[in-house]
Protein backbone atom coordinates (compact mmCIF):
# COMPACT_ATOMS: atom_id res chain seq x y z
CA MET A 1 -39.79 -32.40 -69.80
CA GLN A 2 -41.15 -29.27 -68.98
CA PRO A 3 -41.30 -26.67 -71.19
CA ILE A 4 -39.09 -23.74 -70.53
CA ALA A 5 -41.85 -21.00 -69.82
CA ASP A 6 -43.14 -23.61 -67.25
CA GLN A 7 -39.96 -23.93 -65.37
CA LEU A 8 -39.19 -19.95 -65.48
CA ALA A 9 -42.78 -19.65 -63.72
CA GLU A 10 -41.73 -21.84 -60.54
CA LEU A 11 -39.28 -19.58 -60.01
CA ARG A 12 -39.49 -17.37 -56.77
CA SER A 13 -39.18 -13.40 -57.48
CA TYR A 14 -36.08 -11.54 -56.22
CA HIS A 15 -35.54 -11.78 -52.77
CA LEU A 16 -32.92 -10.57 -50.18
CA PRO A 17 -30.72 -12.71 -48.07
CA SER A 18 -30.97 -12.79 -44.59
CA GLN A 19 -29.75 -10.21 -42.36
CA ILE A 20 -26.12 -11.42 -41.29
CA SER A 21 -26.66 -11.77 -37.41
CA TRP A 22 -23.99 -10.56 -34.89
CA TRP A 23 -24.38 -13.12 -32.75
CA PRO A 24 -22.05 -15.66 -32.57
CA ILE A 25 -19.48 -13.65 -33.06
CA ALA A 26 -16.02 -14.85 -34.63
CA PRO A 27 -13.50 -16.55 -32.81
CA GLY A 28 -10.98 -13.06 -33.54
CA TRP A 29 -13.26 -11.41 -31.31
CA TRP A 30 -13.73 -13.63 -28.56
CA LEU A 31 -9.99 -13.17 -28.19
CA LEU A 32 -9.86 -9.52 -28.17
CA LEU A 33 -12.79 -9.53 -25.45
CA LEU A 34 -10.70 -12.01 -23.76
CA LEU A 35 -7.40 -9.76 -23.95
CA ILE A 36 -9.60 -6.39 -22.96
CA LEU A 37 -10.95 -8.56 -19.49
CA THR A 38 -7.63 -9.13 -18.83
CA LEU A 39 -6.24 -6.09 -18.71
CA ILE A 40 -9.10 -4.69 -17.39
CA SER A 41 -8.50 -6.74 -14.04
CA ILE A 42 -5.02 -6.23 -13.92
CA PHE A 43 -5.66 -2.82 -14.24
CA ILE A 44 -7.92 -2.80 -11.58
CA SER A 45 -6.01 -5.03 -9.23
CA LEU A 46 -3.17 -2.58 -9.43
CA TRP A 47 -4.96 0.45 -8.67
CA PHE A 48 -6.50 -1.54 -5.52
CA TYR A 49 -3.12 -2.50 -4.48
CA ARG A 50 -1.51 1.07 -5.21
CA SER A 51 -4.68 2.54 -3.34
CA LYS A 52 -4.58 0.60 -0.15
CA ARG A 53 -0.92 0.98 0.20
CA PHE A 54 -0.99 4.99 0.04
CA THR A 55 -4.25 4.85 1.98
CA THR A 56 -2.16 2.90 4.65
CA ILE A 57 1.11 5.51 4.36
CA ARG A 58 -1.49 8.49 4.95
CA TYR A 59 -3.07 6.70 7.66
CA ILE A 60 0.19 5.94 9.66
CA GLN A 61 0.92 9.72 9.06
CA THR A 62 -1.99 10.89 10.32
CA GLU A 63 -1.85 8.65 13.28
CA LEU A 64 2.09 10.06 13.97
CA THR A 65 0.48 13.60 14.10
CA ILE A 66 -2.20 12.75 16.60
CA LEU A 67 0.53 11.03 19.00
CA LYS A 68 2.44 14.49 18.45
CA THR A 69 -0.85 16.60 19.60
CA ASN A 70 -1.46 13.80 22.37
CA LEU A 71 1.69 14.30 23.91
CA ALA A 72 1.59 18.03 23.78
CA THR A 73 -1.44 17.81 25.47
CA ASP A 74 -1.31 14.99 28.02
CA ASN A 75 2.17 14.57 28.34
CA ASN A 76 1.81 10.96 28.28
CA THR A 77 5.50 9.42 27.30
CA ILE A 78 4.70 5.84 27.51
CA ASN A 79 1.67 6.03 24.96
CA PHE A 80 3.83 8.20 22.61
CA ILE A 81 6.96 5.88 22.66
CA ARG A 82 4.92 2.78 21.98
CA GLY A 83 3.18 4.34 19.62
CA ILE A 84 6.03 5.29 17.66
CA SER A 85 7.64 2.19 17.85
CA ASN A 86 4.47 0.68 16.43
CA LEU A 87 4.11 2.49 14.02
CA LEU A 88 7.71 2.25 12.18
CA ARG A 89 7.28 -1.25 12.52
CA ARG A 90 3.74 -1.56 10.69
CA PHE A 91 5.26 0.91 8.23
CA ALA A 92 8.19 -0.89 7.88
CA LEU A 93 6.12 -4.53 7.34
CA LEU A 94 3.99 -2.58 4.79
CA ARG A 95 6.80 -1.33 2.59
CA PHE A 96 9.79 -4.17 3.22
CA PRO A 97 9.52 -7.95 3.07
CA ARG A 98 7.73 -9.22 6.10
CA ASN A 99 10.86 -12.17 6.47
CA GLN A 100 13.33 -9.16 6.30
CA ILE A 101 11.66 -7.11 9.18
CA ALA A 102 9.74 -9.24 11.59
CA HIS A 103 12.36 -10.50 13.29
CA LEU A 104 14.25 -7.66 13.97
CA THR A 105 14.35 -6.13 17.67
CA GLY A 106 16.68 -4.23 19.46
CA ILE A 107 20.01 -3.09 17.71
CA ALA A 108 19.30 -4.67 14.74
CA TRP A 109 15.93 -2.81 14.37
CA LEU A 110 17.34 0.42 14.77
CA LYS A 111 20.12 -0.30 12.37
CA PHE A 112 17.66 -1.58 9.74
CA LEU A 113 16.29 2.22 10.35
CA ASP A 114 19.18 3.56 9.88
CA GLU A 115 19.99 1.95 6.51
CA HIS A 116 16.60 2.73 4.98
CA GLY A 117 16.96 6.27 5.97
CA GLY A 118 17.40 7.26 9.40
CA ASN A 119 21.15 8.33 8.53
CA GLY A 120 22.63 6.77 11.88
CA LYS A 121 20.12 8.90 14.08
CA PHE A 122 17.96 6.46 15.52
CA GLN A 123 21.36 4.25 16.99
CA SER A 124 23.05 7.34 18.27
CA GLU A 125 20.13 9.88 19.38
CA PHE A 126 17.19 7.37 19.96
CA ASN A 127 18.83 4.28 21.03
CA TRP A 128 17.43 3.69 24.71
CA LEU A 129 13.91 5.29 23.41
CA LEU A 130 13.26 2.82 20.97
CA THR A 131 14.53 -0.22 22.19
CA GLU A 132 13.96 -0.64 25.86
CA LEU A 133 11.70 2.53 26.82
CA PRO A 134 8.64 1.01 24.91
CA TYR A 135 8.73 -2.27 27.02
CA GLN A 136 9.26 -0.63 30.28
CA SER A 137 6.65 -0.55 33.26
CA ASN A 138 4.30 2.35 33.65
CA ILE A 139 5.90 3.08 37.23
CA ALA A 140 9.49 2.93 35.53
CA LEU A 141 8.29 5.62 33.09
CA HIS A 142 6.64 7.87 35.41
CA SER A 143 9.92 7.76 37.53
CA THR A 144 12.04 8.64 34.39
CA ASN A 145 12.65 12.36 32.87
CA ILE A 146 12.45 12.71 29.47
CA ASP A 147 12.88 15.95 27.09
CA ILE A 148 9.76 16.69 25.17
CA GLN A 149 11.81 18.07 22.50
CA HIS A 150 13.87 14.99 22.21
CA LEU A 151 10.67 13.18 21.58
CA HIS A 152 9.26 15.98 18.92
CA LYS A 153 12.89 15.13 17.73
CA LEU A 154 12.03 11.25 17.16
CA ALA A 155 8.87 12.01 15.64
CA ASP A 156 10.13 14.47 12.85
CA LEU A 157 12.66 11.81 12.51
CA CYS A 158 10.16 9.15 12.04
CA ILE A 159 7.82 11.29 9.76
CA ALA A 160 11.09 11.95 7.70
CA TRP A 161 11.61 8.25 7.80
CA ILE A 162 8.28 7.25 6.25
CA GLN A 163 8.48 9.99 3.57
CA ILE A 164 11.93 8.62 2.17
CA ASN A 165 10.72 5.13 2.24
CA GLN A 166 7.09 5.97 0.61
CA GLN A 167 9.34 8.01 -2.02
CA ASN A 168 11.26 5.01 -2.58
CA ALA A 169 8.09 2.54 -2.48
CA THR A 170 6.91 4.72 -5.39
CA THR A 171 9.86 4.79 -7.25
CA GLN A 172 10.19 0.85 -7.34
């Protein structure tokens, strides 16, 4: 056995412990990181969805205004009626479930429009314009006399219908 003085000489002098590393992180931090990434991805996907939907709505409203302007300049009722019919259908497909909208034609389509903000005006005032006129040939359309004021009322009704259903979309 060594003397105590020799044993004390073999001891190291004072030293600090090694610095604690930040990596690898504890399991709790991994869970928190996973939760934060999940919340960020949900937020981004919802933001893209809403942004895309409202951009499409603004695009439809702009296109409707362009149709009204073109009607005023070139008096081409066929393009106007077909454009209105197309815009209403596209907006409805954007706003409502596809299986509820895609199969509707004729009076059933007008009834749907009236039930969702048309207040009976689509069926009563614009029945022929939206159910038969878009499918007429160009020759038959040029022989028909359509009141321009009636077409402007249709455009105003479409804008109102889109705004009503846009507000309903934002509250749901």
